[in-house]
C-alpha atoms as a PDB file:
ATOM      1  CA  MET A   1       0.000   0.000   0.000  1.00  0.00           C
ATOM      2  CA  ILE A   2       1.362   3.454  -0.966  1.00  0.00           C
ATOM      3  CA  LYS A   3       1.474   5.983   1.841  1.00  0.00           C
ATOM      4  CA  MET A   4      -0.655   9.046   1.050  1.00  0.00           C
ATOM      5  CA  SER A   5       2.246  11.315   1.998  1.00  0.00           C
ATOM      6  CA  LEU A   6       4.321   9.828  -0.862  1.00  0.00           C
ATOM      7  CA  LEU A   7       1.686  10.625  -3.496  1.00  0.00           C
ATOM      8  CA  PRO A   8       1.821  13.983  -5.281  1.00  0.00           C
ATOM      9  CA  LYS A   9      -0.599  16.582  -3.925  1.00  0.00           C
ATOM     10  CA  PRO A  10      -4.006  16.252  -5.658  1.00  0.00           C
ATOM     11  CA  THR A  11      -4.867  19.002  -8.117  1.00  0.00           C
ATOM     12  CA  SER A  12      -8.638  18.803  -7.648  1.00  0.00           C
ATOM     13  CA  TYR A  13     -11.323  17.689  -5.221  1.00  0.00           C
ATOM     14  CA  CYS A  14     -12.115  14.849  -7.629  1.00  0.00           C
ATOM     15  CA  GLU A  15      -8.528  13.585  -7.584  1.00  0.00           C
ATOM     16  CA  ALA A  16      -8.295  13.850  -3.795  1.00  0.00           C
ATOM     17  CA  VAL A  17     -11.553  11.941  -3.339  1.00  0.00           C
ATOM     18  CA  SER A  18     -10.453   9.205  -5.777  1.00  0.00           C
ATOM     19  CA  ARG A  19      -7.759   8.242  -3.238  1.00  0.00           C
ATOM     20  CA  MET A  20     -10.240   7.853  -0.367  1.00  0.00           C
ATOM     21  CA  GLU A  21     -11.954   4.750   0.986  1.00  0.00           C
ATOM     22  CA  ALA A  22     -15.519   4.111  -0.227  1.00  0.00           C
ATOM     23  CA  ASP A  23     -17.040   4.937   3.173  1.00  0.00           C
ATOM     24  CA  ASN A  24     -15.277   8.305   3.501  1.00  0.00           C
ATOM     25  CA  LEU A  25     -17.870  11.110   3.879  1.00  0.00           C
ATOM     26  CA  HIS A  26     -16.093  13.221   1.238  1.00  0.00           C
ATOM     27  CA  LYS A  27     -16.179  10.346  -1.242  1.00  0.00           C
ATOM     28  CA  ILE A  28     -19.865   9.652  -0.553  1.00  0.00           C
ATOM     29  CA  TYR A  29     -20.730  13.355  -0.956  1.00  0.00           C
ATOM     30  CA  HIS A  30     -18.610  13.702  -4.106  1.00  0.00           C
ATOM     31  CA  ASP A  31     -19.982  10.539  -5.707  1.00  0.00           C
ATOM     32  CA  THR A  32     -23.666  10.883  -4.807  1.00  0.00           C
ATOM     33  CA  ALA A  33     -24.520  14.527  -4.119  1.00  0.00           C
ATOM     34  CA  TYR A  34     -22.023  17.109  -5.402  1.00  0.00           C
ATOM     35  CA  GLY A  35     -23.229  18.678  -8.637  1.00  0.00           C
ATOM     36  CA  PHE A  36     -26.433  16.653  -8.914  1.00  0.00           C
ATOM     37  CA  PRO A  37     -29.686  18.618  -9.310  1.00  0.00           C
ATOM     38  CA  ILE A  38     -31.906  19.134  -6.275  1.00  0.00           C
ATOM     39  CA  LEU A  39     -35.578  20.019  -6.731  1.00  0.00           C
ATOM     40  CA  ASP A  40     -36.883  19.752  -3.170  1.00  0.00           C
ATOM     41  CA  ASP A  41     -36.925  23.105  -1.345  1.00  0.00           C
ATOM     42  CA  ASN A  42     -36.000  21.600   2.016  1.00  0.00           C
ATOM     43  CA  GLU A  43     -32.967  19.896   0.460  1.00  0.00           C
ATOM     44  CA  LEU A  44     -31.985  23.123  -1.304  1.00  0.00           C
ATOM     45  CA  PHE A  45     -32.298  24.955   2.001  1.00  0.00           C
ATOM     46  CA  GLU A  46     -30.161  22.315   3.684  1.00  0.00           C
ATOM     47  CA  ARG A  47     -27.406  22.675   1.092  1.00  0.00           C
ATOM     48  CA  LEU A  48     -27.492  26.480   1.380  1.00  0.00           C
ATOM     49  CA  ILE A  49     -27.261  26.356   5.175  1.00  0.00           C
ATOM     50  CA  LEU A  50     -24.438  23.814   5.095  1.00  0.00           C
ATOM     51  CA  GLU A  51     -22.515  26.016   2.645  1.00  0.00           C
ATOM     52  CA  ILE A  52     -23.081  29.064   4.870  1.00  0.00           C
ATOM     53  CA  ASN A  53     -21.867  27.159   7.914  1.00  0.00           C
ATOM     54  CA  GLN A  54     -18.764  25.981   6.062  1.00  0.00           C
ATOM     55  CA  ALA A  55     -17.531  29.576   5.712  1.00  0.00           C
ATOM     56  CA  GLY A  56     -14.197  29.794   7.505  1.00  0.00           C
ATOM     57  CA  LEU A  57     -14.187  26.068   8.260  1.00  0.00           C
ATOM     58  CA  SER A  58     -13.455  22.849   6.397  1.00  0.00           C
ATOM     59  CA  TRP A  59     -16.090  20.964   4.420  1.00  0.00           C
ATOM     60  CA  ASN A  60     -14.946  17.917   6.379  1.00  0.00           C
ATOM     61  CA  THR A  61     -16.254  19.542   9.587  1.00  0.00           C
ATOM     62  CA  ILE A  62     -19.631  20.190   7.967  1.00  0.00           C
ATOM     63  CA  LEU A  63     -19.950  16.674   6.548  1.00  0.00           C
ATOM     64  CA  HIS A  64     -19.239  15.206   9.984  1.00  0.00           C
ATOM     65  CA  LYS A  65     -21.878  17.455  11.555  1.00  0.00           C
ATOM     66  CA  GLN A  66     -24.488  17.140   8.784  1.00  0.00           C
ATOM     67  CA  GLN A  67     -26.772  14.744  10.668  1.00  0.00           C
ATOM     68  CA  ASN A  68     -26.552  16.932  13.775  1.00  0.00           C
ATOM     69  CA  PHE A  69     -27.528  19.941  11.656  1.00  0.00           C
ATOM     70  CA  LYS A  70     -30.541  18.033  10.297  1.00  0.00           C
ATOM     71  CA  LYS A  71     -31.715  17.140  13.781  1.00  0.00           C
ATOM     72  CA  SER A  72     -31.060  20.604  15.244  1.00  0.00           C
ATOM     73  CA  TYR A  73     -32.689  22.462  12.347  1.00  0.00           C
ATOM     74  CA  SER A  74     -35.908  20.373  12.246  1.00  0.00           C
ATOM     75  CA  GLN A  75     -34.775  18.234   9.284  1.00  0.00           C
ATOM     76  CA  PHE A  76     -34.315  21.533   7.386  1.00  0.00           C
ATOM     77  CA  GLU A  77     -38.064  21.993   6.984  1.00  0.00           C
ATOM     78  CA  VAL A  78     -38.088  25.541   5.653  1.00  0.00           C
ATOM     79  CA  ARG A  79     -41.438  26.544   7.135  1.00  0.00           C
ATOM     80  CA  VAL A  80     -40.535  25.226  10.586  1.00  0.00           C
ATOM     81  CA  VAL A  81     -37.156  27.001  10.654  1.00  0.00           C
ATOM     82  CA  ALA A  82     -38.776  30.205   9.346  1.00  0.00           C
ATOM     83  CA  ASN A  83     -40.864  30.263  12.531  1.00  0.00           C
ATOM     84  CA  TYR A  84     -37.918  29.866  14.913  1.00  0.00           C
ATOM     85  CA  GLY A  85     -37.750  32.499  17.662  1.00  0.00           C
ATOM     86  CA  GLU A  86     -35.195  33.680  20.201  1.00  0.00           C
ATOM     87  CA  GLU A  87     -35.601  30.506  22.240  1.00  0.00           C
ATOM     88  CA  ASP A  88     -34.529  28.492  19.188  1.00  0.00           C
ATOM     89  CA  VAL A  89     -31.576  30.802  18.564  1.00  0.00           C
ATOM     90  CA  GLU A  90     -30.365  30.214  22.129  1.00  0.00           C
ATOM     91  CA  ARG A  91     -30.993  26.453  21.839  1.00  0.00           C
ATOM     92  CA  LEU A  92     -28.888  26.311  18.658  1.00  0.00           C
ATOM     93  CA  LEU A  93     -26.107  28.377  20.205  1.00  0.00           C
ATOM     94  CA  GLN A  94     -25.860  25.797  23.001  1.00  0.00           C
ATOM     95  CA  ASP A  95     -25.811  22.829  20.588  1.00  0.00           C
ATOM     96  CA  ALA A  96     -22.275  21.413  20.394  1.00  0.00           C
ATOM     97  CA  GLY A  97     -23.294  19.198  17.468  1.00  0.00           C
ATOM     98  CA  ILE A  98     -23.476  22.135  15.045  1.00  0.00           C
ATOM     99  CA  ILE A  99     -21.564  25.348  14.349  1.00  0.00           C
ATOM    100  CA  ARG A 100     -22.437  27.705  17.179  1.00  0.00           C
ATOM    101  CA  ASN A 101     -22.120  31.037  15.439  1.00  0.00           C
ATOM    102  CA  ARG A 102     -24.854  33.601  16.099  1.00  0.00           C
ATOM    103  CA  LEU A 103     -24.576  35.189  12.635  1.00  0.00           C
ATOM    104  CA  LYS A 104     -24.883  31.804  10.915  1.00  0.00           C
ATOM    105  CA  VAL A 105     -27.804  30.731  13.117  1.00  0.00           C
ATOM    106  CA  ARG A 106     -29.666  33.979  12.443  1.00  0.00           C
ATOM    107  CA  ALA A 107     -28.848  33.679   8.728  1.00  0.00           C
ATOM    108  CA  ALA A 108     -30.457  30.226   8.637  1.00  0.00           C
ATOM    109  CA  ILE A 109     -33.676  31.553  10.164  1.00  0.00           C
ATOM    110  CA  HIS A 110     -33.729  34.697   8.032  1.00  0.00           C
ATOM    111  CA  ASN A 111     -33.012  32.756   4.840  1.00  0.00           C
ATOM    112  CA  ALA A 112     -35.785  30.276   5.676  1.00  0.00           C
ATOM    113  CA  GLN A 113     -38.160  33.236   5.987  1.00  0.00           C
ATOM    114  CA  VAL A 114     -36.965  34.547   2.619  1.00  0.00           C
ATOM    115  CA  ILE A 115     -37.532  31.143   1.004  1.00  0.00           C
ATOM    116  CA  VAL A 116     -41.094  31.055   2.382  1.00  0.00           C
ATOM    117  CA  GLU A 117     -41.703  34.411   0.661  1.00  0.00           C
ATOM    118  CA  LEU A 118     -40.127  33.125  -2.562  1.00  0.00           C
ATOM    119  CA  GLN A 119     -42.444  30.105  -2.389  1.00  0.00           C
ATOM    120  CA  LYS A 120     -45.425  32.468  -2.176  1.00  0.00           C
ATOM    121  CA  SER A 121     -44.248  34.425  -5.221  1.00  0.00           C
ATOM    122  CA  PHE A 122     -42.735  31.684  -7.401  1.00  0.00           C
ATOM    123  CA  GLY A 123     -44.249  28.459  -6.068  1.00  0.00           C
ATOM    124  CA  SER A 124     -40.908  27.141  -4.787  1.00  0.00           C
ATOM    125  CA  PHE A 125     -37.296  28.040  -4.109  1.00  0.00           C
ATOM    126  CA  SER A 126     -36.420  25.759  -7.004  1.00  0.00           C
ATOM    127  CA  ALA A 127     -38.750  27.732  -9.316  1.00  0.00           C
ATOM    128  CA  TRP A 128     -37.122  30.988  -8.179  1.00  0.00           C
ATOM    129  CA  LEU A 129     -33.708  29.598  -9.107  1.00  0.00           C
ATOM    130  CA  ASP A 130     -35.079  28.457 -12.474  1.00  0.00           C
ATOM    131  CA  HIS A 131     -36.657  31.874 -13.055  1.00  0.00           C
ATOM    132  CA  HIS A 132     -33.232  33.528 -12.811  1.00  0.00           C
ATOM    133  CA  HIS A 133     -31.308  30.837 -14.683  1.00  0.00           C
ATOM    134  CA  PRO A 134     -29.014  31.154 -16.575  1.00  0.00           C
ATOM    135  CA  LEU A 135     -26.931  33.831 -14.911  1.00  0.00           C
ATOM    136  CA  ASP A 136     -23.173  34.011 -14.682  1.00  0.00           C
ATOM    137  CA  LEU A 137     -21.581  33.819 -11.245  1.00  0.00           C
ATOM    138  CA  LYS A 138     -21.230  37.598 -10.915  1.00  0.00           C
ATOM    139  CA  ASP A 139     -24.961  38.127 -11.460  1.00  0.00           C
ATOM    140  CA  TRP A 140     -25.896  35.206  -9.197  1.00  0.00           C
ATOM    141  CA  MET A 141     -23.739  36.783  -6.479  1.00  0.00           C
ATOM    142  CA  LYS A 142     -25.542  40.124  -6.814  1.00  0.00           C
ATOM    143  CA  LEU A 143     -28.926  38.408  -6.718  1.00  0.00           C
ATOM    144  CA  PHE A 144     -28.093  36.312  -3.647  1.00  0.00           C
ATOM    145  CA  LYS A 145     -26.585  39.288  -1.834  1.00  0.00           C
ATOM    146  CA  LYS A 146     -29.774  41.263  -2.488  1.00  0.00           C
ATOM    147  CA  THR A 147     -32.050  38.370  -1.491  1.00  0.00           C
ATOM    148  CA  PHE A 148     -30.351  36.397   1.296  1.00  0.00           C
ATOM    149  CA  THR A 149     -28.092  36.908   4.305  1.00  0.00           C
ATOM    150  CA  PHE A 150     -24.530  35.578   4.737  1.00  0.00           C
ATOM    151  CA  THR A 151     -24.167  34.645   1.076  1.00  0.00           C
ATOM    152  CA  GLY A 152     -20.790  35.844  -0.123  1.00  0.00           C
ATOM    153  CA  GLY A 153     -19.239  34.908  -3.445  1.00  0.00           C
ATOM    154  CA  GLU A 154     -17.655  31.622  -2.383  1.00  0.00           C
ATOM    155  CA  ILE A 155     -20.844  30.433  -0.676  1.00  0.00           C
ATOM    156  CA  VAL A 156     -22.970  31.297  -3.725  1.00  0.00           C
ATOM    157  CA  ASN A 157     -20.486  29.674  -6.106  1.00  0.00           C
ATOM    158  CA  GLU A 158     -20.261  26.440  -4.097  1.00  0.00           C
ATOM    159  CA  PHE A 159     -24.009  26.298  -3.498  1.00  0.00           C
ATOM    160  CA  LEU A 160     -24.831  26.703  -7.193  1.00  0.00           C
ATOM    161  CA  MET A 161     -22.116  24.278  -8.323  1.00  0.00           C
ATOM    162  CA  SER A 162     -23.247  21.745  -5.743  1.00  0.00           C
ATOM    163  CA  ILE A 163     -26.831  21.757  -7.104  1.00  0.00           C
ATOM    164  CA  GLY A 164     -25.920  21.817 -10.803  1.00  0.00           C
ATOM    165  CA  TYR A 165     -26.657  25.460 -11.693  1.00  0.00           C
ATOM    166  CA  LEU A 166     -22.996  26.272 -12.343  1.00  0.00           C
ATOM    167  CA  ASP A 167     -20.420  23.989 -13.945  1.00  0.00           C
ATOM    168  CA  GLY A 168     -17.271  23.077 -12.048  1.00  0.00           C
ATOM    169  CA  SER A 169     -18.212  20.543  -9.405  1.00  0.00           C
ATOM    170  CA  HIS A 170     -16.257  17.815 -11.220  1.00  0.00           C
ATOM    171  CA  VAL A 171     -13.218  18.031 -13.459  1.00  0.00           C
ATOM    172  CA  GLU A 172     -13.077  16.584 -16.966  1.00  0.00           C
ATOM    173  CA  GLY A 173     -12.217  12.915 -16.732  1.00  0.00           C
ATOM    174  CA  CYS A 174     -13.881  12.406 -13.357  1.00  0.00           C
ATOM    175  CA  PRO A 175     -16.248   9.416 -13.754  1.00  0.00           C
ATOM    176  CA  ILE A 176     -18.843  11.150 -11.562  1.00  0.00           C
ATOM    177  CA  ARG A 177     -18.951  14.094 -13.985  1.00  0.00           C
ATOM    178  CA  GLU A 178     -20.559  11.757 -16.540  1.00  0.00           C
ATOM    179  CA  LYS A 179     -23.227  10.808 -13.994  1.00  0.00           C
ATOM    180  CA  VAL A 180     -23.842  14.475 -13.200  1.00  0.00           C
ATOM    181  CA  LEU A 181     -24.199  15.278 -16.921  1.00  0.00           C
ATOM    182  CA  ALA A 182     -26.652  12.381 -17.302  1.00  0.00           C
ATOM    183  CA  SER A 183     -28.784  13.897 -14.523  1.00  0.00           C
ATOM    184  CA  ASN A 184     -29.416  17.006 -16.667  1.00  0.00           C
ATOM    185  CA  PRO A 185     -27.953  19.739 -14.449  1.00  0.00           C
ATOM    186  CA  LYS A 186     -29.108  23.285 -15.199  1.00  0.00           C
ATOM    187  CA  PHE A 187     -25.647  24.404 -16.348  1.00  0.00           C
ATOM    188  CA  LEU A 188     -26.067  22.159 -19.399  1.00  0.00           C
ATOM    189  CA  GLU A 189     -28.827  24.457 -20.688  1.00  0.00           C
ATOM    190  CA  LYS A 190     -26.354  27.334 -20.744  1.00  0.00           C
ATOM    191  CA  LEU A 191     -23.744  25.227 -22.562  1.00  0.00           C
ATOM    192  CA  ILE A 192     -26.321  24.109 -25.162  1.00  0.00           C
ATOM    193  CA  THR A 193     -27.467  27.729 -25.686  1.00  0.00           C
ATOM    194  CA  LYS A 194     -23.875  28.838 -26.345  1.00  0.00           C
ATOM    195  CA  ASN A 195     -23.336  26.192 -29.065  1.00  0.00           C
END
């Protein structure tokens, strides 16, 4: 067996994950979730909140806490989280199973409230995303900054790549990229329009 320290440093997330055991959380996420379309609003909300909580931390930390986040944030049911009050904020700030950052906790609640309003206007968060698609990253960033809280450029980029609205989740040659392409991610529409 080759020691990992003897291998050259990976040049991409895909290459790094290819060296991991099948039960590694990164490998599972990369192979089954990253870049694949999500239509369910609660799942979209979950991905957005996980990306927000990753800011300043490693994705490894978030993946290890994902189930705790689900439990603590009512399975990411948007309407439930949108109705959280101060008692819930304090409960979450005492929860060692998640990221205890007041700004991130308040952002989750605020963004859930925003999504509820988007559902009223567009039918769903997913439909709102579709309504604005295709945008380039710069325009997505402006839109998210105007609409949500705690959504800087890196968060918006990763969120949209992770749900298939922007290309880049997998490098050329990654076998999972073919699976993502077969799932009809939104970024394909933009590529087809260009050609």
